[in-house]
Amino acid sequence: GELREIKKDYGRNRLMLSAENYDQNRLAEKVEKEFG
């Protein structure tokens, strides 16, 4: 199919997150605990 639509479909309901004051492992732990 059309690549743009396929990307949109695969990206639906997905977000990206990074933080200045947490490394990735600590951020993942916090997200799982407080945003689960």
Full PDB file with SEQRES, HELIX, SHEET, SSBOND, CRYST1, ORIGX, SCALE, CONECT and MASTER records, all heavy atoms in Angstrom:
SEQRES   1 A   36  GLY GLU LEU ARG GLU ILE LYS LYS ASP TYR GLY ARG ASN          
SEQRES   2 A   36  ARG LEU MET LEU SER ALA GLU ASN TYR ASP GLN ASN ARG          
SEQRES   3 A   36  LEU ALA GLU LYS VAL GLU LYS GLU PHE GLY                      
HELIX    1 AA1 LEU A    3  GLY A   11  1                                   9    
HELIX    2 AA2 GLN A   24  GLU A   34  1                                  11    
CRYST1    1.000    1.000    1.000  90.00  90.00  90.00 P 1           1          
ORIGX1      1.000000  0.000000  0.000000        0.00000                         
ORIGX2      0.000000  1.000000  0.000000        0.00000                         
ORIGX3      0.000000  0.000000  1.000000        0.00000                         
SCALE1      1.000000  0.000000  0.000000        0.00000                         
SCALE2      0.000000  1.000000  0.000000        0.00000                         
SCALE3      0.000000  0.000000  1.000000        0.00000                         
ATOM      1  N   GLY A   1       0.813  -1.206   0.000  1.00  0.00           N  
ATOM      2  CA  GLY A   1       0.000   0.000   0.000  1.00  0.00           C  
ATOM      3  C   GLY A   1       0.840   1.245   0.000  1.00  0.00           C  
ATOM      4  O   GLY A   1       2.060   1.213  -0.211  1.00  0.00           O  
ATOM      5  N   GLU A   2       0.195   2.379   0.269  1.00  0.00           N  
ATOM      6  CA  GLU A   2       0.873   3.664   0.296  1.00  0.00           C  
ATOM      7  C   GLU A   2       1.682   3.779   1.581  1.00  0.00           C  
ATOM      8  O   GLU A   2       1.151   3.592   2.679  1.00  0.00           O  
ATOM      9  CB  GLU A   2      -0.144   4.798   0.206  1.00  0.00           C  
ATOM     10  CG  GLU A   2       0.492   6.161   0.056  1.00  0.00           C  
ATOM     11  CD  GLU A   2      -0.527   7.267  -0.125  1.00  0.00           C  
ATOM     12  OE1 GLU A   2      -1.740   6.965  -0.170  1.00  0.00           O  
ATOM     13  OE2 GLU A   2      -0.111   8.440  -0.216  1.00  0.00           O  
ATOM     14  N   LEU A   3       2.957   4.091   1.435  1.00  0.00           N  
ATOM     15  CA  LEU A   3       3.862   4.102   2.585  1.00  0.00           C  
ATOM     16  C   LEU A   3       3.409   5.090   3.652  1.00  0.00           C  
ATOM     17  O   LEU A   3       3.468   4.790   4.852  1.00  0.00           O  
ATOM     18  CB  LEU A   3       5.281   4.425   2.119  1.00  0.00           C  
ATOM     19  CG  LEU A   3       6.368   4.467   3.189  1.00  0.00           C  
ATOM     20  CD1 LEU A   3       6.403   3.180   3.994  1.00  0.00           C  
ATOM     21  CD2 LEU A   3       7.728   4.751   2.563  1.00  0.00           C  
ATOM     22  N   ARG A   4       2.935   6.247   3.253  1.00  0.00           N  
ATOM     23  CA  ARG A   4       2.506   7.247   4.225  1.00  0.00           C  
ATOM     24  C   ARG A   4       1.359   6.720   5.087  1.00  0.00           C  
ATOM     25  O   ARG A   4       1.354   6.907   6.309  1.00  0.00           O  
ATOM     26  CB  ARG A   4       2.066   8.523   3.493  1.00  0.00           C  
ATOM     27  CG  ARG A   4       1.633   9.651   4.425  1.00  0.00           C  
ATOM     28  CD  ARG A   4       1.297  10.899   3.640  1.00  0.00           C  
ATOM     29  NE  ARG A   4       0.243  10.643   2.661  1.00  0.00           N  
ATOM     30  CZ  ARG A   4      -0.207  11.551   1.798  1.00  0.00           C  
ATOM     31  NH1 ARG A   4       0.342  12.753   1.768  1.00  0.00           N  
ATOM     32  NH2 ARG A   4      -1.168  11.264   0.951  1.00  0.00           N  
ATOM     33  N   GLU A   5       0.401   6.042   4.471  1.00  0.00           N  
ATOM     34  CA  GLU A   5      -0.735   5.505   5.219  1.00  0.00           C  
ATOM     35  C   GLU A   5      -0.318   4.331   6.108  1.00  0.00           C  
ATOM     36  O   GLU A   5      -0.834   4.164   7.214  1.00  0.00           O  
ATOM     37  CB  GLU A   5      -1.837   5.068   4.248  1.00  0.00           C  
ATOM     38  CG  GLU A   5      -2.504   6.219   3.515  1.00  0.00           C  
ATOM     39  CD  GLU A   5      -3.118   7.237   4.480  1.00  0.00           C  
ATOM     40  OE1 GLU A   5      -3.793   6.805   5.447  1.00  0.00           O  
ATOM     41  OE2 GLU A   5      -2.910   8.449   4.284  1.00  0.00           O  
ATOM     42  N   ILE A   6       0.605   3.520   5.611  1.00  0.00           N  
ATOM     43  CA  ILE A   6       1.098   2.396   6.406  1.00  0.00           C  
ATOM     44  C   ILE A   6       1.818   2.913   7.650  1.00  0.00           C  
ATOM     45  O   ILE A   6       1.618   2.406   8.760  1.00  0.00           O  
ATOM     46  CB  ILE A   6       2.032   1.506   5.560  1.00  0.00           C  
ATOM     47  CG1 ILE A   6       1.217   0.757   4.500  1.00  0.00           C  
ATOM     48  CG2 ILE A   6       2.795   0.516   6.437  1.00  0.00           C  
ATOM     49  CD1 ILE A   6       2.065   0.019   3.486  1.00  0.00           C  
ATOM     50  N   LYS A   7       2.631   3.949   7.486  1.00  0.00           N  
ATOM     51  CA  LYS A   7       3.326   4.539   8.633  1.00  0.00           C  
ATOM     52  C   LYS A   7       2.327   5.102   9.643  1.00  0.00           C  
ATOM     53  O   LYS A   7       2.490   4.946  10.855  1.00  0.00           O  
ATOM     54  CB  LYS A   7       4.274   5.650   8.166  1.00  0.00           C  
ATOM     55  CG  LYS A   7       5.587   5.156   7.599  1.00  0.00           C  
ATOM     56  CD  LYS A   7       6.510   6.349   7.405  1.00  0.00           C  
ATOM     57  CE  LYS A   7       7.917   5.888   7.176  1.00  0.00           C  
ATOM     58  NZ  LYS A   7       8.877   7.001   7.229  1.00  0.00           N  
ATOM     59  N   LYS A   8       1.311   5.779   9.126  1.00  0.00           N  
ATOM     60  CA  LYS A   8       0.302   6.364  10.001  1.00  0.00           C  
ATOM     61  C   LYS A   8      -0.399   5.267  10.801  1.00  0.00           C  
ATOM     62  O   LYS A   8      -0.639   5.401  12.000  1.00  0.00           O  
ATOM     63  CB  LYS A   8      -0.716   7.151   9.174  1.00  0.00           C  
ATOM     64  CG  LYS A   8      -1.725   7.932  10.010  1.00  0.00           C  
ATOM     65  CD  LYS A   8      -2.790   8.582   9.129  1.00  0.00           C  
ATOM     66  CE  LYS A   8      -2.179   9.604   8.196  1.00  0.00           C  
ATOM     67  NZ  LYS A   8      -3.242  10.285   7.387  1.00  0.00           N  
ATOM     68  N   ASP A   9      -0.701   4.154  10.123  1.00  0.00           N  
ATOM     69  CA  ASP A   9      -1.394   3.048  10.787  1.00  0.00           C  
ATOM     70  C   ASP A   9      -0.515   2.413  11.856  1.00  0.00           C  
ATOM     71  O   ASP A   9      -0.976   2.114  12.964  1.00  0.00           O  
ATOM     72  CB  ASP A   9      -1.809   2.006   9.746  1.00  0.00           C  
ATOM     73  CG  ASP A   9      -2.628   0.885  10.357  1.00  0.00           C  
ATOM     74  OD1 ASP A   9      -3.668   1.178  10.960  1.00  0.00           O  
ATOM     75  OD2 ASP A   9      -2.215  -0.289  10.236  1.00  0.00           O  
ATOM     76  N   TYR A  10       0.781   2.215  11.532  1.00  0.00           N  
ATOM     77  CA  TYR A  10       1.687   1.590  12.499  1.00  0.00           C  
ATOM     78  C   TYR A  10       2.025   2.530  13.651  1.00  0.00           C  
ATOM     79  O   TYR A  10       2.381   2.077  14.740  1.00  0.00           O  
ATOM     80  CB  TYR A  10       2.970   1.132  11.798  1.00  0.00           C  
ATOM     81  CG  TYR A  10       2.904  -0.292  11.318  1.00  0.00           C  
ATOM     82  CD1 TYR A  10       2.125  -0.637  10.214  1.00  0.00           C  
ATOM     83  CD2 TYR A  10       3.583  -1.303  11.965  1.00  0.00           C  
ATOM     84  CE1 TYR A  10       2.038  -1.941   9.773  1.00  0.00           C  
ATOM     85  CE2 TYR A  10       3.511  -2.620  11.536  1.00  0.00           C  
ATOM     86  CZ  TYR A  10       2.736  -2.929  10.442  1.00  0.00           C  
ATOM     87  OH  TYR A  10       2.642  -4.227  10.021  1.00  0.00           O  
ATOM     88  N   GLY A  11       1.905   3.850  13.433  1.00  0.00           N  
ATOM     89  CA  GLY A  11       2.210   4.799  14.498  1.00  0.00           C  
ATOM     90  C   GLY A  11       1.005   5.151  15.353  1.00  0.00           C  
ATOM     91  O   GLY A  11       1.151   5.838  16.374  1.00  0.00           O  
ATOM     92  N   ARG A  12      -0.180   4.664  14.949  1.00  0.00           N  
ATOM     93  CA  ARG A  12      -1.400   5.016  15.691  1.00  0.00           C  
ATOM     94  C   ARG A  12      -1.311   4.512  17.134  1.00  0.00           C  
ATOM     95  O   ARG A  12      -0.875   3.390  17.389  1.00  0.00           O  
ATOM     96  CB  ARG A  12      -2.609   4.419  14.979  1.00  0.00           C  
ATOM     97  CG  ARG A  12      -3.950   4.860  15.545  1.00  0.00           C  
ATOM     98  CD  ARG A  12      -5.092   4.414  14.663  1.00  0.00           C  
ATOM     99  NE  ARG A  12      -5.136   5.216  13.435  1.00  0.00           N  
ATOM    100  CZ  ARG A  12      -4.994   4.721  12.223  1.00  0.00           C  
ATOM    101  NH1 ARG A  12      -4.796   3.425  12.055  1.00  0.00           N  
ATOM    102  NH2 ARG A  12      -5.042   5.501  11.164  1.00  0.00           N  
ATOM    103  N   ASN A  13      -1.733   5.368  18.065  1.00  0.00           N  
ATOM    104  CA  ASN A  13      -1.746   5.043  19.498  1.00  0.00           C  
ATOM    105  C   ASN A  13      -0.351   4.853  20.086  1.00  0.00           C  
ATOM    106  O   ASN A  13      -0.202   4.235  21.146  1.00  0.00           O  
ATOM    107  CB  ASN A  13      -2.591   3.790  19.782  1.00  0.00           C  
ATOM    108  CG  ASN A  13      -4.054   4.007  19.456  1.00  0.00           C  
ATOM    109  OD1 ASN A  13      -4.571   5.116  19.620  1.00  0.00           O  
ATOM    110  ND2 ASN A  13      -4.721   2.970  18.986  1.00  0.00           N  
ATOM    111  N   ARG A  14       0.664   5.391  19.413  1.00  0.00           N  
ATOM    112  CA  ARG A  14       2.018   5.293  19.947  1.00  0.00           C  
ATOM    113  C   ARG A  14       2.602   6.691  20.127  1.00  0.00           C  
ATOM    114  O   ARG A  14       2.369   7.590  19.323  1.00  0.00           O  
ATOM    115  CB  ARG A  14       2.910   4.460  19.027  1.00  0.00           C  
ATOM    116  CG  ARG A  14       2.510   2.989  19.014  1.00  0.00           C  
ATOM    117  CD  ARG A  14       3.418   2.173  18.155  1.00  0.00           C  
ATOM    118  NE  ARG A  14       3.003   0.776  18.158  1.00  0.00           N  
ATOM    119  CZ  ARG A  14       3.564  -0.169  17.419  1.00  0.00           C  
ATOM    120  NH1 ARG A  14       4.576   0.130  16.621  1.00  0.00           N  
ATOM    121  NH2 ARG A  14       3.131  -1.407  17.475  1.00  0.00           N  
ATOM    122  N   LEU A  15       3.368   6.846  21.189  1.00  0.00           N  
ATOM    123  CA  LEU A  15       3.985   8.121  21.531  1.00  0.00           C  
ATOM    124  C   LEU A  15       5.477   7.926  21.769  1.00  0.00           C  
ATOM    125  O   LEU A  15       5.930   6.800  22.005  1.00  0.00           O  
ATOM    126  CB  LEU A  15       3.353   8.699  22.805  1.00  0.00           C  
ATOM    127  CG  LEU A  15       1.829   8.880  22.817  1.00  0.00           C  
ATOM    128  CD1 LEU A  15       1.360   9.218  24.227  1.00  0.00           C  
ATOM    129  CD2 LEU A  15       1.415   9.960  21.839  1.00  0.00           C  
ATOM    130  N   MET A  16       6.220   9.020  21.727  1.00  0.00           N  
ATOM    131  CA  MET A  16       7.638   8.962  22.095  1.00  0.00           C  
ATOM    132  C   MET A  16       7.871   9.900  23.267  1.00  0.00           C  
ATOM    133  O   MET A  16       7.223  10.944  23.386  1.00  0.00           O  
ATOM    134  CB  MET A  16       8.522   9.352  20.917  1.00  0.00           C  
ATOM    135  CG  MET A  16       8.273  10.723  20.358  1.00  0.00           C  
ATOM    136  SD  MET A  16       9.393  11.090  18.986  1.00  0.00           S  
ATOM    137  CE  MET A  16       8.861  12.742  18.556  1.00  0.00           C  
ATOM    138  N   LEU A  17       8.790   9.510  24.141  1.00  0.00           N  
ATOM    139  CA  LEU A  17       9.057  10.310  25.335  1.00  0.00           C  
ATOM    140  C   LEU A  17      10.522  10.182  25.728  1.00  0.00           C  
ATOM    141  O   LEU A  17      11.068   9.081  25.801  1.00  0.00           O  
ATOM    142  CB  LEU A  17       8.175   9.831  26.499  1.00  0.00           C  
ATOM    143  CG  LEU A  17       8.438  10.490  27.863  1.00  0.00           C  
ATOM    144  CD1 LEU A  17       8.073  11.976  27.830  1.00  0.00           C  
ATOM    145  CD2 LEU A  17       7.664   9.757  28.959  1.00  0.00           C  
ATOM    146  N   SER A  18      11.138  11.333  25.986  1.00  0.00           N  
ATOM    147  CA  SER A  18      12.469  11.363  26.595  1.00  0.00           C  
ATOM    148  C   SER A  18      12.479  12.495  27.617  1.00  0.00           C  
ATOM    149  O   SER A  18      11.657  13.417  27.561  1.00  0.00           O  
ATOM    150  CB  SER A  18      13.564  11.570  25.549  1.00  0.00           C  
ATOM    151  OG  SER A  18      13.425  12.829  24.919  1.00  0.00           O  
ATOM    152  N   ALA A  19      13.410  12.425  28.579  1.00  0.00           N  
ATOM    153  CA  ALA A  19      13.464  13.417  29.662  1.00  0.00           C  
ATOM    154  C   ALA A  19      14.885  13.911  29.865  1.00  0.00           C  
ATOM    155  O   ALA A  19      15.856  13.178  29.632  1.00  0.00           O  
ATOM    156  CB  ALA A  19      12.930  12.800  30.955  1.00  0.00           C  
ATOM    157  N   GLU A  20      14.987  15.157  30.283  1.00  0.00           N  
ATOM    158  CA  GLU A  20      16.298  15.745  30.537  1.00  0.00           C  
ATOM    159  C   GLU A  20      16.873  15.299  31.876  1.00  0.00           C  
ATOM    160  O   GLU A  20      18.092  15.250  32.034  1.00  0.00           O  
ATOM    161  CB  GLU A  20      16.193  17.280  30.505  1.00  0.00           C  
ATOM    162  CG  GLU A  20      15.830  17.836  29.131  1.00  0.00           C  
ATOM    163  CD  GLU A  20      15.764  19.344  29.125  1.00  0.00           C  
ATOM    164  OE1 GLU A  20      15.909  19.935  30.223  1.00  0.00           O  
ATOM    165  OE2 GLU A  20      15.559  19.926  28.039  1.00  0.00           O  
ATOM    166  N   ASN A  21      16.012  14.963  32.829  1.00  0.00           N  
ATOM    167  CA  ASN A  21      16.493  14.652  34.180  1.00  0.00           C  
ATOM    168  C   ASN A  21      16.416  13.164  34.526  1.00  0.00           C  
ATOM    169  O   ASN A  21      16.597  12.780  35.676  1.00  0.00           O  
ATOM    170  CB  ASN A  21      15.707  15.463  35.220  1.00  0.00           C  
ATOM    171  CG  ASN A  21      14.203  15.199  35.162  1.00  0.00           C  
ATOM    172  OD1 ASN A  21      13.673  14.850  34.100  1.00  0.00           O  
ATOM    173  ND2 ASN A  21      13.516  15.361  36.288  1.00  0.00           N  
ATOM    174  N   TYR A  22      16.101  12.313  33.558  1.00  0.00           N  
ATOM    175  CA  TYR A  22      16.084  10.865  33.781  1.00  0.00           C  
ATOM    176  C   TYR A  22      16.794  10.174  32.617  1.00  0.00           C  
ATOM    177  O   TYR A  22      16.525  10.496  31.444  1.00  0.00           O  
ATOM    178  CB  TYR A  22      14.643  10.334  33.833  1.00  0.00           C  
ATOM    179  CG  TYR A  22      13.916  10.579  35.132  1.00  0.00           C  
ATOM    180  CD1 TYR A  22      13.154  11.736  35.314  1.00  0.00           C  
ATOM    181  CD2 TYR A  22      13.969   9.657  36.175  1.00  0.00           C  
ATOM    182  CE1 TYR A  22      12.474  11.969  36.500  1.00  0.00           C  
ATOM    183  CE2 TYR A  22      13.285   9.878  37.366  1.00  0.00           C  
ATOM    184  CZ  TYR A  22      12.543  11.042  37.524  1.00  0.00           C  
ATOM    185  OH  TYR A  22      11.866  11.254  38.699  1.00  0.00           O  
ATOM    186  N   ASP A  23      17.694   9.218  32.943  1.00  0.00           N  
ATOM    187  CA  ASP A  23      18.203   8.397  31.852  1.00  0.00           C  
ATOM    188  C   ASP A  23      17.097   7.424  31.438  1.00  0.00           C  
ATOM    189  O   ASP A  23      16.056   7.321  32.096  1.00  0.00           O  
ATOM    190  CB  ASP A  23      19.495   7.677  32.240  1.00  0.00           C  
ATOM    191  CG  ASP A  23      19.319   6.658  33.366  1.00  0.00           C  
ATOM    192  OD1 ASP A  23      18.231   6.059  33.480  1.00  0.00           O  
ATOM    193  OD2 ASP A  23      20.274   6.465  34.145  1.00  0.00           O  
ATOM    194  N   GLN A  24      17.326   6.715  30.345  1.00  0.00           N  
ATOM    195  CA  GLN A  24      16.242   5.923  29.760  1.00  0.00           C  
ATOM    196  C   GLN A  24      15.749   4.826  30.697  1.00  0.00           C  
ATOM    197  O   GLN A  24      14.534   4.581  30.813  1.00  0.00           O  
ATOM    198  CB  GLN A  24      16.678   5.318  28.422  1.00  0.00           C  
ATOM    199  CG  GLN A  24      15.511   4.861  27.568  1.00  0.00           C  
ATOM    200  CD  GLN A  24      15.942   4.408  26.193  1.00  0.00           C  
ATOM    201  OE1 GLN A  24      16.266   3.247  26.000  1.00  0.00           O  
ATOM    202  NE2 GLN A  24      15.955   5.326  25.230  1.00  0.00           N  
ATOM    203  N   ASN A  25      16.654   4.169  31.409  1.00  0.00           N  
ATOM    204  CA  ASN A  25      16.239   3.084  32.306  1.00  0.00           C  
ATOM    205  C   ASN A  25      15.393   3.611  33.465  1.00  0.00           C  
ATOM    206  O   ASN A  25      14.348   3.032  33.799  1.00  0.00           O  
ATOM    207  CB  ASN A  25      17.468   2.340  32.851  1.00  0.00           C  
ATOM    208  CG  ASN A  25      18.146   1.508  31.791  1.00  0.00           C  
ATOM    209  OD1 ASN A  25      17.499   1.053  30.840  1.00  0.00           O  
ATOM    210  ND2 ASN A  25      19.441   1.300  31.929  1.00  0.00           N  
ATOM    211  N   ARG A  26      15.830   4.705  34.059  1.00  0.00           N  
ATOM    212  CA  ARG A  26      15.067   5.278  35.171  1.00  0.00           C  
ATOM    213  C   ARG A  26      13.726   5.836  34.693  1.00  0.00           C  
ATOM    214  O   ARG A  26      12.712   5.737  35.380  1.00  0.00           O  
ATOM    215  CB  ARG A  26      15.887   6.379  35.859  1.00  0.00           C  
ATOM    216  CG  ARG A  26      17.074   5.841  36.663  1.00  0.00           C  
ATOM    217  CD  ARG A  26      17.880   6.976  37.256  1.00  0.00           C  
ATOM    218  NE  ARG A  26      17.055   7.791  38.154  1.00  0.00           N  
ATOM    219  CZ  ARG A  26      17.011   9.115  38.107  1.00  0.00           C  
ATOM    220  NH1 ARG A  26      17.728   9.780  37.203  1.00  0.00           N  
ATOM    221  NH2 ARG A  26      16.252   9.790  38.958  1.00  0.00           N  
ATOM    222  N   LEU A  27      13.732   6.416  33.481  1.00  0.00           N  
ATOM    223  CA  LEU A  27      12.479   6.932  32.926  1.00  0.00           C  
ATOM    224  C   LEU A  27      11.502   5.790  32.672  1.00  0.00           C  
ATOM    225  O   LEU A  27      10.301   5.916  32.964  1.00  0.00           O  
ATOM    226  CB  LEU A  27      12.759   7.700  31.633  1.00  0.00           C  
ATOM    227  CG  LEU A  27      11.542   8.303  30.933  1.00  0.00           C  
ATOM    228  CD1 LEU A  27      10.865   9.338  31.843  1.00  0.00           C  
ATOM    229  CD2 LEU A  27      11.937   8.938  29.602  1.00  0.00           C  
ATOM    230  N   ALA A  28      12.011   4.680  32.176  1.00  0.00           N  
ATOM    231  CA  ALA A  28      11.140   3.529  31.923  1.00  0.00           C  
ATOM    232  C   ALA A  28      10.517   3.014  33.218  1.00  0.00           C  
ATOM    233  O   ALA A  28       9.325   2.689  33.258  1.00  0.00           O  
ATOM    234  CB  ALA A  28      11.941   2.423  31.229  1.00  0.00           C  
ATOM    235  N   GLU A  29      11.325   2.954  34.261  1.00  0.00           N  
ATOM    236  CA  GLU A  29      10.801   2.502  35.557  1.00  0.00           C  
ATOM    237  C   GLU A  29       9.709   3.439  36.066  1.00  0.00           C  
ATOM    238  O   GLU A  29       8.672   2.997  36.574  1.00  0.00           O  
ATOM    239  CB  GLU A  29      11.948   2.431  36.573  1.00  0.00           C  
ATOM    240  CG  GLU A  29      12.949   1.311  36.298  1.00  0.00           C  
ATOM    241  CD  GLU A  29      14.132   1.361  37.247  1.00  0.00           C  
ATOM    242  OE1 GLU A  29      14.131   2.233  38.156  1.00  0.00           O  
ATOM    243  OE2 GLU A  29      15.067   0.543  37.096  1.00  0.00           O  
ATOM    244  N   LYS A  30       9.924   4.734  35.912  1.00  0.00           N  
ATOM    245  CA  LYS A  30       8.949   5.713  36.399  1.00  0.00           C  
ATOM    246  C   LYS A  30       7.645   5.632  35.591  1.00  0.00           C  
ATOM    247  O   LYS A  30       6.545   5.697  36.156  1.00  0.00           O  
ATOM    248  CB  LYS A  30       9.536   7.120  36.319  1.00  0.00           C  
ATOM    249  CG  LYS A  30       8.645   8.177  36.987  1.00  0.00           C  
ATOM    250  CD  LYS A  30       9.361   9.501  37.068  1.00  0.00           C  
ATOM    251  CE  LYS A  30       8.515  10.536  37.809  1.00  0.00           C  
ATOM    252  NZ  LYS A  30       8.366  10.218  39.252  1.00  0.00           N  
ATOM    253  N   VAL A  31       7.799   5.490  34.278  1.00  0.00           N  
ATOM    254  CA  VAL A  31       6.609   5.389  33.425  1.00  0.00           C  
ATOM    255  C   VAL A  31       5.795   4.147  33.782  1.00  0.00           C  
ATOM    256  O   VAL A  31       4.565   4.199  33.905  1.00  0.00           O  
ATOM    257  CB  VAL A  31       7.012   5.367  31.933  1.00  0.00           C  
ATOM    258  CG1 VAL A  31       5.829   4.953  31.055  1.00  0.00           C  
ATOM    259  CG2 VAL A  31       7.522   6.739  31.502  1.00  0.00           C  
ATOM    260  N   GLU A  32       6.476   3.014  33.947  1.00  0.00           N  
ATOM    261  CA  GLU A  32       5.770   1.777  34.294  1.00  0.00           C  
ATOM    262  C   GLU A  32       5.053   1.901  35.639  1.00  0.00           C  
ATOM    263  O   GLU A  32       3.941   1.389  35.817  1.00  0.00           O  
ATOM    264  CB  GLU A  32       6.762   0.612  34.326  1.00  0.00           C  
ATOM    265  CG  GLU A  32       7.242   0.202  32.939  1.00  0.00           C  
ATOM    266  CD  GLU A  32       8.338  -0.846  33.000  1.00  0.00           C  
ATOM    267  OE1 GLU A  32       8.915  -1.035  34.098  1.00  0.00           O  
ATOM    268  OE2 GLU A  32       8.627  -1.466  31.953  1.00  0.00           O  
ATOM    269  N   LYS A  33       5.672   2.615  36.584  1.00  0.00           N  
ATOM    270  CA  LYS A  33       5.106   2.740  37.932  1.00  0.00           C  
ATOM    271  C   LYS A  33       3.968   3.747  37.992  1.00  0.00           C  
ATOM    272  O   LYS A  33       2.917   3.496  38.608  1.00  0.00           O  
ATOM    273  CB  LYS A  33       6.215   3.133  38.914  1.00  0.00           C  
ATOM    274  CG  LYS A  33       5.750   3.251  40.363  1.00  0.00           C  
ATOM    275  CD  LYS A  33       6.925   3.609  41.268  1.00  0.00           C  
ATOM    276  CE  LYS A  33       6.475   3.740  42.723  1.00  0.00           C  
ATOM    277  NZ  LYS A  33       7.608   4.094  43.615  1.00  0.00           N  
ATOM    278  N   GLU A  34       4.140   4.916  37.345  1.00  0.00           N  
ATOM    279  CA  GLU A  34       3.201   6.017  37.514  1.00  0.00           C  
ATOM    280  C   GLU A  34       2.266   6.252  36.322  1.00  0.00           C  
ATOM    281  O   GLU A  34       1.280   6.977  36.448  1.00  0.00           O  
ATOM    282  CB  GLU A  34       3.971   7.310  37.816  1.00  0.00           C  
ATOM    283  CG  GLU A  34       4.798   7.231  39.096  1.00  0.00           C  
ATOM    284  CD  GLU A  34       5.510   8.534  39.416  1.00  0.00           C  
ATOM    285  OE1 GLU A  34       5.160   9.571  38.797  1.00  0.00           O  
ATOM    286  OE2 GLU A  34       6.411   8.520  40.282  1.00  0.00           O  
ATOM    287  N   PHE A  35       2.584   5.628  35.178  1.00  0.00           N  
ATOM    288  CA  PHE A  35       1.761   5.855  33.984  1.00  0.00           C  
ATOM    289  C   PHE A  35       1.208   4.540  33.428  1.00  0.00           C  
ATOM    290  O   PHE A  35       0.655   4.511  32.338  1.00  0.00           O  
ATOM    291  CB  PHE A  35       2.599   6.521  32.877  1.00  0.00           C  
ATOM    292  CG  PHE A  35       3.044   7.919  33.182  1.00  0.00           C  
ATOM    293  CD1 PHE A  35       4.042   8.160  34.114  1.00  0.00           C  
ATOM    294  CD2 PHE A  35       2.470   9.006  32.548  1.00  0.00           C  
ATOM    295  CE1 PHE A  35       4.469   9.440  34.395  1.00  0.00           C  
ATOM    296  CE2 PHE A  35       2.888  10.294  32.820  1.00  0.00           C  
ATOM    297  CZ  PHE A  35       3.893  10.529  33.749  1.00  0.00           C  
ATOM    298  N   GLY A  36       1.348   3.451  34.159  1.00  0.00           N  
ATOM    299  CA  GLY A  36       1.002   2.125  33.663  1.00  0.00           C  
ATOM    300  C   GLY A  36      -0.449   1.957  33.262  1.00  0.00           C  
ATOM    301  O   GLY A  36      -0.770   1.102  32.427  1.00  0.00           O  
TER     302      GLY A  36                                                      
MASTER        0    0    0    2    0    0    0    6  301    1    0    3          
END                                                                             
